[in-house]
């Protein structure tokens, strides 16, 4: 009797290659929920590119419970109207020293009132990871208040891309 091949019989490495082309939100909120095997695959996948900037609070909370920060290579966080204080929420859930593979960090809608907290977060991030890309966008800002924040980033030898917008 011939057993026809199924999707579940594929090696995990093939799934990892597929996941490399799917956004983190889809992996965590859809793919992961298909079956036990897919959940196990997402638990061991270690190249998450997460963009939380348009994610609902409920989905954000779920995603934060589902991921291991050491598996995140790219992270976008936002303090926008639909995602208030998301940056601090994320960093209150995870100790920064666990973001060991983080290469790209994007912070959106940063407000001056958060610059001291951000400076602390960024100083800690820079001690544990090697960012190649950093982006910060602020709707309301005084460039002078954000200057100390950027000076620590600019000195990184691994940094290849810096976006700064006010």
C-alpha atoms as a PDB file:
ATOM      1  CA  UNK A   1       0.000   0.000   0.000  1.00  0.00           C
ATOM      2  CA  UNK A   2       1.310   3.448  -0.963  1.00  0.00           C
ATOM      3  CA  UNK A   3       1.259   6.286   1.555  1.00  0.00           C
ATOM      4  CA  UNK A   4       0.829   9.624  -0.129  1.00  0.00           C
ATOM      5  CA  UNK A   5       3.134  12.345   1.180  1.00  0.00           C
ATOM      6  CA  UNK A   6       1.590  14.990   3.370  1.00  0.00           C
ATOM      7  CA  UNK A   7       2.603  18.466   4.365  1.00  0.00           C
ATOM      8  CA  UNK A   8       3.278  17.244   7.877  1.00  0.00           C
ATOM      9  CA  UNK A   9       5.872  14.758   6.637  1.00  0.00           C
ATOM     10  CA  UNK A  10       8.164  17.523   5.372  1.00  0.00           C
ATOM     11  CA  UNK A  11      11.363  18.118   7.346  1.00  0.00           C
ATOM     12  CA  UNK A  12      11.368  21.006   9.816  1.00  0.00           C
ATOM     13  CA  UNK A  13      14.098  22.774   7.821  1.00  0.00           C
ATOM     14  CA  UNK A  14      11.692  23.174   4.886  1.00  0.00           C
ATOM     15  CA  UNK A  15       9.155  24.807   7.184  1.00  0.00           C
ATOM     16  CA  UNK A  16      11.838  27.162   8.490  1.00  0.00           C
ATOM     17  CA  UNK A  17      12.595  28.252   4.928  1.00  0.00           C
ATOM     18  CA  UNK A  18       8.885  28.860   4.338  1.00  0.00           C
ATOM     19  CA  UNK A  19       8.562  30.825   7.592  1.00  0.00           C
ATOM     20  CA  UNK A  20      11.468  33.032   6.521  1.00  0.00           C
ATOM     21  CA  UNK A  21       9.079  34.471   3.900  1.00  0.00           C
ATOM     22  CA  UNK A  22       6.062  34.978   6.178  1.00  0.00           C
ATOM     23  CA  UNK A  23       5.589  37.923   8.517  1.00  0.00           C
ATOM     24  CA  UNK A  24       5.832  37.260  12.254  1.00  0.00           C
ATOM     25  CA  UNK A  25       2.207  38.146  12.916  1.00  0.00           C
ATOM     26  CA  UNK A  26       0.973  35.509  10.449  1.00  0.00           C
ATOM     27  CA  UNK A  27       3.336  32.907  11.874  1.00  0.00           C
ATOM     28  CA  UNK A  28       2.169  33.499  15.445  1.00  0.00           C
ATOM     29  CA  UNK A  29      -1.515  34.184  14.908  1.00  0.00           C
ATOM     30  CA  UNK A  30      -2.306  31.805  12.036  1.00  0.00           C
ATOM     31  CA  UNK A  31       0.341  29.228  11.118  1.00  0.00           C
ATOM     32  CA  UNK A  32       1.027  28.337  14.751  1.00  0.00           C
ATOM     33  CA  UNK A  33      -2.636  27.496  15.363  1.00  0.00           C
ATOM     34  CA  UNK A  34      -3.048  25.012  12.486  1.00  0.00           C
ATOM     35  CA  UNK A  35      -1.882  21.892  14.327  1.00  0.00           C
ATOM     36  CA  UNK A  36       0.420  20.635  17.080  1.00  0.00           C
ATOM     37  CA  UNK A  37       3.307  20.098  14.666  1.00  0.00           C
ATOM     38  CA  UNK A  38       3.114  23.673  13.381  1.00  0.00           C
ATOM     39  CA  UNK A  39       3.002  24.970  16.957  1.00  0.00           C
ATOM     40  CA  UNK A  40       6.120  22.932  17.768  1.00  0.00           C
ATOM     41  CA  UNK A  41       7.828  24.310  14.657  1.00  0.00           C
ATOM     42  CA  UNK A  42       7.056  27.908  15.655  1.00  0.00           C
ATOM     43  CA  UNK A  43       8.391  27.172  19.148  1.00  0.00           C
ATOM     44  CA  UNK A  44      11.788  26.264  17.691  1.00  0.00           C
ATOM     45  CA  UNK A  45      11.892  28.817  14.856  1.00  0.00           C
ATOM     46  CA  UNK A  46      14.580  31.405  15.643  1.00  0.00           C
ATOM     47  CA  UNK A  47      14.392  34.119  12.971  1.00  0.00           C
ATOM     48  CA  UNK A  48      11.313  36.134  13.909  1.00  0.00           C
ATOM     49  CA  UNK A  49      10.833  39.520  12.281  1.00  0.00           C
ATOM     50  CA  UNK A  50       8.116  41.096  14.415  1.00  0.00           C
ATOM     51  CA  UNK A  51       6.211  44.256  13.560  1.00  0.00           C
ATOM     52  CA  UNK A  52       3.911  45.117  16.439  1.00  0.00           C
ATOM     53  CA  UNK A  53       3.090  48.609  15.115  1.00  0.00           C
ATOM     54  CA  UNK A  54      -0.407  47.750  13.885  1.00  0.00           C
ATOM     55  CA  UNK A  55      -1.161  44.772  16.114  1.00  0.00           C
ATOM     56  CA  UNK A  56      -4.107  44.895  18.502  1.00  0.00           C
ATOM     57  CA  UNK A  57      -3.412  44.807  22.239  1.00  0.00           C
ATOM     58  CA  UNK A  58      -4.861  41.280  22.467  1.00  0.00           C
ATOM     59  CA  UNK A  59      -2.674  39.994  19.610  1.00  0.00           C
ATOM     60  CA  UNK A  60       0.352  41.817  21.035  1.00  0.00           C
ATOM     61  CA  UNK A  61      -0.162  40.134  24.417  1.00  0.00           C
ATOM     62  CA  UNK A  62      -0.539  36.721  22.764  1.00  0.00           C
ATOM     63  CA  UNK A  63       2.537  37.205  20.584  1.00  0.00           C
ATOM     64  CA  UNK A  64       4.614  38.254  23.580  1.00  0.00           C
ATOM     65  CA  UNK A  65       3.587  35.082  25.402  1.00  0.00           C
ATOM     66  CA  UNK A  66       4.292  32.906  22.345  1.00  0.00           C
ATOM     67  CA  UNK A  67       7.782  34.114  21.387  1.00  0.00           C
ATOM     68  CA  UNK A  68      11.148  33.751  22.988  1.00  0.00           C
ATOM     69  CA  UNK A  69      13.015  37.070  22.741  1.00  0.00           C
ATOM     70  CA  UNK A  70      16.250  35.288  21.859  1.00  0.00           C
ATOM     71  CA  UNK A  71      14.551  34.204  18.607  1.00  0.00           C
ATOM     72  CA  UNK A  72      13.792  37.768  17.441  1.00  0.00           C
ATOM     73  CA  UNK A  73      16.071  39.256  14.776  1.00  0.00           C
ATOM     74  CA  UNK A  74      13.941  42.265  13.832  1.00  0.00           C
ATOM     75  CA  UNK A  75      11.544  44.238  16.014  1.00  0.00           C
ATOM     76  CA  UNK A  76       9.193  47.141  15.355  1.00  0.00           C
ATOM     77  CA  UNK A  77       7.412  48.759  18.292  1.00  0.00           C
ATOM     78  CA  UNK A  78       5.089  51.757  18.328  1.00  0.00           C
ATOM     79  CA  UNK A  79       3.619  54.203  20.808  1.00  0.00           C
ATOM     80  CA  UNK A  80       0.963  55.239  18.298  1.00  0.00           C
ATOM     81  CA  UNK A  81      -2.696  55.996  18.917  1.00  0.00           C
ATOM     82  CA  UNK A  82      -3.703  52.334  18.534  1.00  0.00           C
ATOM     83  CA  UNK A  83      -0.647  51.001  20.387  1.00  0.00           C
ATOM     84  CA  UNK A  84      -0.073  53.406  23.299  1.00  0.00           C
ATOM     85  CA  UNK A  85       3.020  52.789  25.466  1.00  0.00           C
ATOM     86  CA  UNK A  86       3.818  49.593  23.542  1.00  0.00           C
ATOM     87  CA  UNK A  87       7.564  50.189  23.699  1.00  0.00           C
ATOM     88  CA  UNK A  88       7.646  50.238  27.499  1.00  0.00           C
ATOM     89  CA  UNK A  89       5.161  47.357  27.698  1.00  0.00           C
ATOM     90  CA  UNK A  90       7.393  45.160  25.550  1.00  0.00           C
ATOM     91  CA  UNK A  91      10.520  45.950  27.538  1.00  0.00           C
ATOM     92  CA  UNK A  92       8.690  45.414  30.831  1.00  0.00           C
ATOM     93  CA  UNK A  93       7.854  41.861  29.709  1.00  0.00           C
ATOM     94  CA  UNK A  94      11.330  40.897  28.521  1.00  0.00           C
ATOM     95  CA  UNK A  95      14.720  41.461  30.007  1.00  0.00           C
ATOM     96  CA  UNK A  96      16.844  43.135  27.396  1.00  0.00           C
ATOM     97  CA  UNK A  97      19.723  40.714  27.771  1.00  0.00           C
ATOM     98  CA  UNK A  98      17.532  38.046  26.128  1.00  0.00           C
ATOM     99  CA  UNK A  99      17.416  39.915  22.765  1.00  0.00           C
ATOM    100  CA  UNK A 100      20.750  38.392  21.788  1.00  0.00           C
ATOM    101  CA  UNK A 101      19.965  37.986  18.074  1.00  0.00           C
ATOM    102  CA  UNK A 102      18.313  41.374  17.527  1.00  0.00           C
ATOM    103  CA  UNK A 103      19.778  43.035  14.439  1.00  0.00           C
ATOM    104  CA  UNK A 104      17.084  45.541  13.488  1.00  0.00           C
ATOM    105  CA  UNK A 105      15.110  47.797  15.827  1.00  0.00           C
ATOM    106  CA  UNK A 106      12.439  50.291  14.785  1.00  0.00           C
ATOM    107  CA  UNK A 107      10.730  52.566  17.299  1.00  0.00           C
ATOM    108  CA  UNK A 108       7.739  54.557  16.067  1.00  0.00           C
ATOM    109  CA  UNK A 109       5.879  57.487  17.607  1.00  0.00           C
ATOM    110  CA  UNK A 110       8.491  58.147  20.270  1.00  0.00           C
ATOM    111  CA  UNK A 111       7.584  61.119  22.434  1.00  0.00           C
ATOM    112  CA  UNK A 112       9.938  63.363  24.352  1.00  0.00           C
ATOM    113  CA  UNK A 113       8.487  62.271  27.675  1.00  0.00           C
ATOM    114  CA  UNK A 114       9.882  58.784  26.962  1.00  0.00           C
ATOM    115  CA  UNK A 115      13.443  59.738  26.010  1.00  0.00           C
ATOM    116  CA  UNK A 116      14.995  58.938  29.413  1.00  0.00           C
ATOM    117  CA  UNK A 117      13.377  55.503  29.438  1.00  0.00           C
ATOM    118  CA  UNK A 118      14.432  54.926  25.830  1.00  0.00           C
ATOM    119  CA  UNK A 119      18.000  55.960  26.571  1.00  0.00           C
ATOM    120  CA  UNK A 120      18.138  53.338  29.325  1.00  0.00           C
ATOM    121  CA  UNK A 121      16.608  50.678  27.079  1.00  0.00           C
ATOM    122  CA  UNK A 122      18.947  51.449  24.175  1.00  0.00           C
ATOM    123  CA  UNK A 123      22.041  51.503  26.361  1.00  0.00           C
ATOM    124  CA  UNK A 124      21.112  48.064  27.629  1.00  0.00           C
ATOM    125  CA  UNK A 125      20.316  46.758  24.139  1.00  0.00           C
ATOM    126  CA  UNK A 126      23.667  47.943  22.839  1.00  0.00           C
ATOM    127  CA  UNK A 127      25.487  45.928  25.481  1.00  0.00           C
ATOM    128  CA  UNK A 128      23.898  42.630  24.441  1.00  0.00           C
ATOM    129  CA  UNK A 129      23.313  42.778  20.718  1.00  0.00           C
ATOM    130  CA  UNK A 130      24.814  44.104  17.548  1.00  0.00           C
ATOM    131  CA  UNK A 131      22.288  46.222  15.712  1.00  0.00           C
ATOM    132  CA  UNK A 132      22.831  46.612  11.994  1.00  0.00           C
ATOM    133  CA  UNK A 133      19.710  48.733  11.518  1.00  0.00           C
ATOM    134  CA  UNK A 134      18.066  51.266  13.810  1.00  0.00           C
ATOM    135  CA  UNK A 135      15.138  53.536  13.071  1.00  0.00           C
ATOM    136  CA  UNK A 136      13.371  56.008  15.305  1.00  0.00           C
ATOM    137  CA  UNK A 137      10.399  58.122  14.291  1.00  0.00           C
ATOM    138  CA  UNK A 138       8.879  60.824  16.460  1.00  0.00           C
ATOM    139  CA  UNK A 139       5.800  62.863  15.606  1.00  0.00           C
ATOM    140  CA  UNK A 140       6.360  65.467  18.257  1.00  0.00           C
ATOM    141  CA  UNK A 141       9.881  66.110  19.110  1.00  0.00           C
ATOM    142  CA  UNK A 142      12.736  68.306  19.961  1.00  0.00           C
ATOM    143  CA  UNK A 143      15.816  67.032  18.148  1.00  0.00           C
ATOM    144  CA  UNK A 144      18.005  68.189  21.001  1.00  0.00           C
ATOM    145  CA  UNK A 145      16.205  65.956  23.506  1.00  0.00           C
ATOM    146  CA  UNK A 146      16.701  62.906  21.288  1.00  0.00           C
ATOM    147  CA  UNK A 147      20.353  63.680  20.553  1.00  0.00           C
ATOM    148  CA  UNK A 148      21.803  61.756  23.551  1.00  0.00           C
ATOM    149  CA  UNK A 149      19.644  58.808  22.552  1.00  0.00           C
ATOM    150  CA  UNK A 150      21.142  58.722  19.077  1.00  0.00           C
ATOM    151  CA  UNK A 151      24.755  59.316  20.061  1.00  0.00           C
ATOM    152  CA  UNK A 152      25.022  55.893  21.675  1.00  0.00           C
ATOM    153  CA  UNK A 153      23.532  54.255  18.571  1.00  0.00           C
ATOM    154  CA  UNK A 154      25.720  56.041  16.029  1.00  0.00           C
ATOM    155  CA  UNK A 155      28.918  54.807  17.658  1.00  0.00           C
ATOM    156  CA  UNK A 156      28.038  51.155  17.000  1.00  0.00           C
ATOM    157  CA  UNK A 157      30.550  49.604  14.616  1.00  0.00           C
ATOM    158  CA  UNK A 158      27.975  47.095  13.326  1.00  0.00           C
ATOM    159  CA  UNK A 159      25.385  49.743  12.419  1.00  0.00           C
ATOM    160  CA  UNK A 160      24.776  49.864   8.670  1.00  0.00           C
ATOM    161  CA  UNK A 161      21.508  51.771   8.532  1.00  0.00           C
ATOM    162  CA  UNK A 162      20.157  54.606  10.648  1.00  0.00           C
ATOM    163  CA  UNK A 163      16.811  56.309  10.061  1.00  0.00           C
ATOM    164  CA  UNK A 164      15.843  59.264  12.187  1.00  0.00           C
ATOM    165  CA  UNK A 165      12.658  61.182  11.581  1.00  0.00           C
ATOM    166  CA  UNK A 166      10.900  63.956  13.426  1.00  0.00           C
END
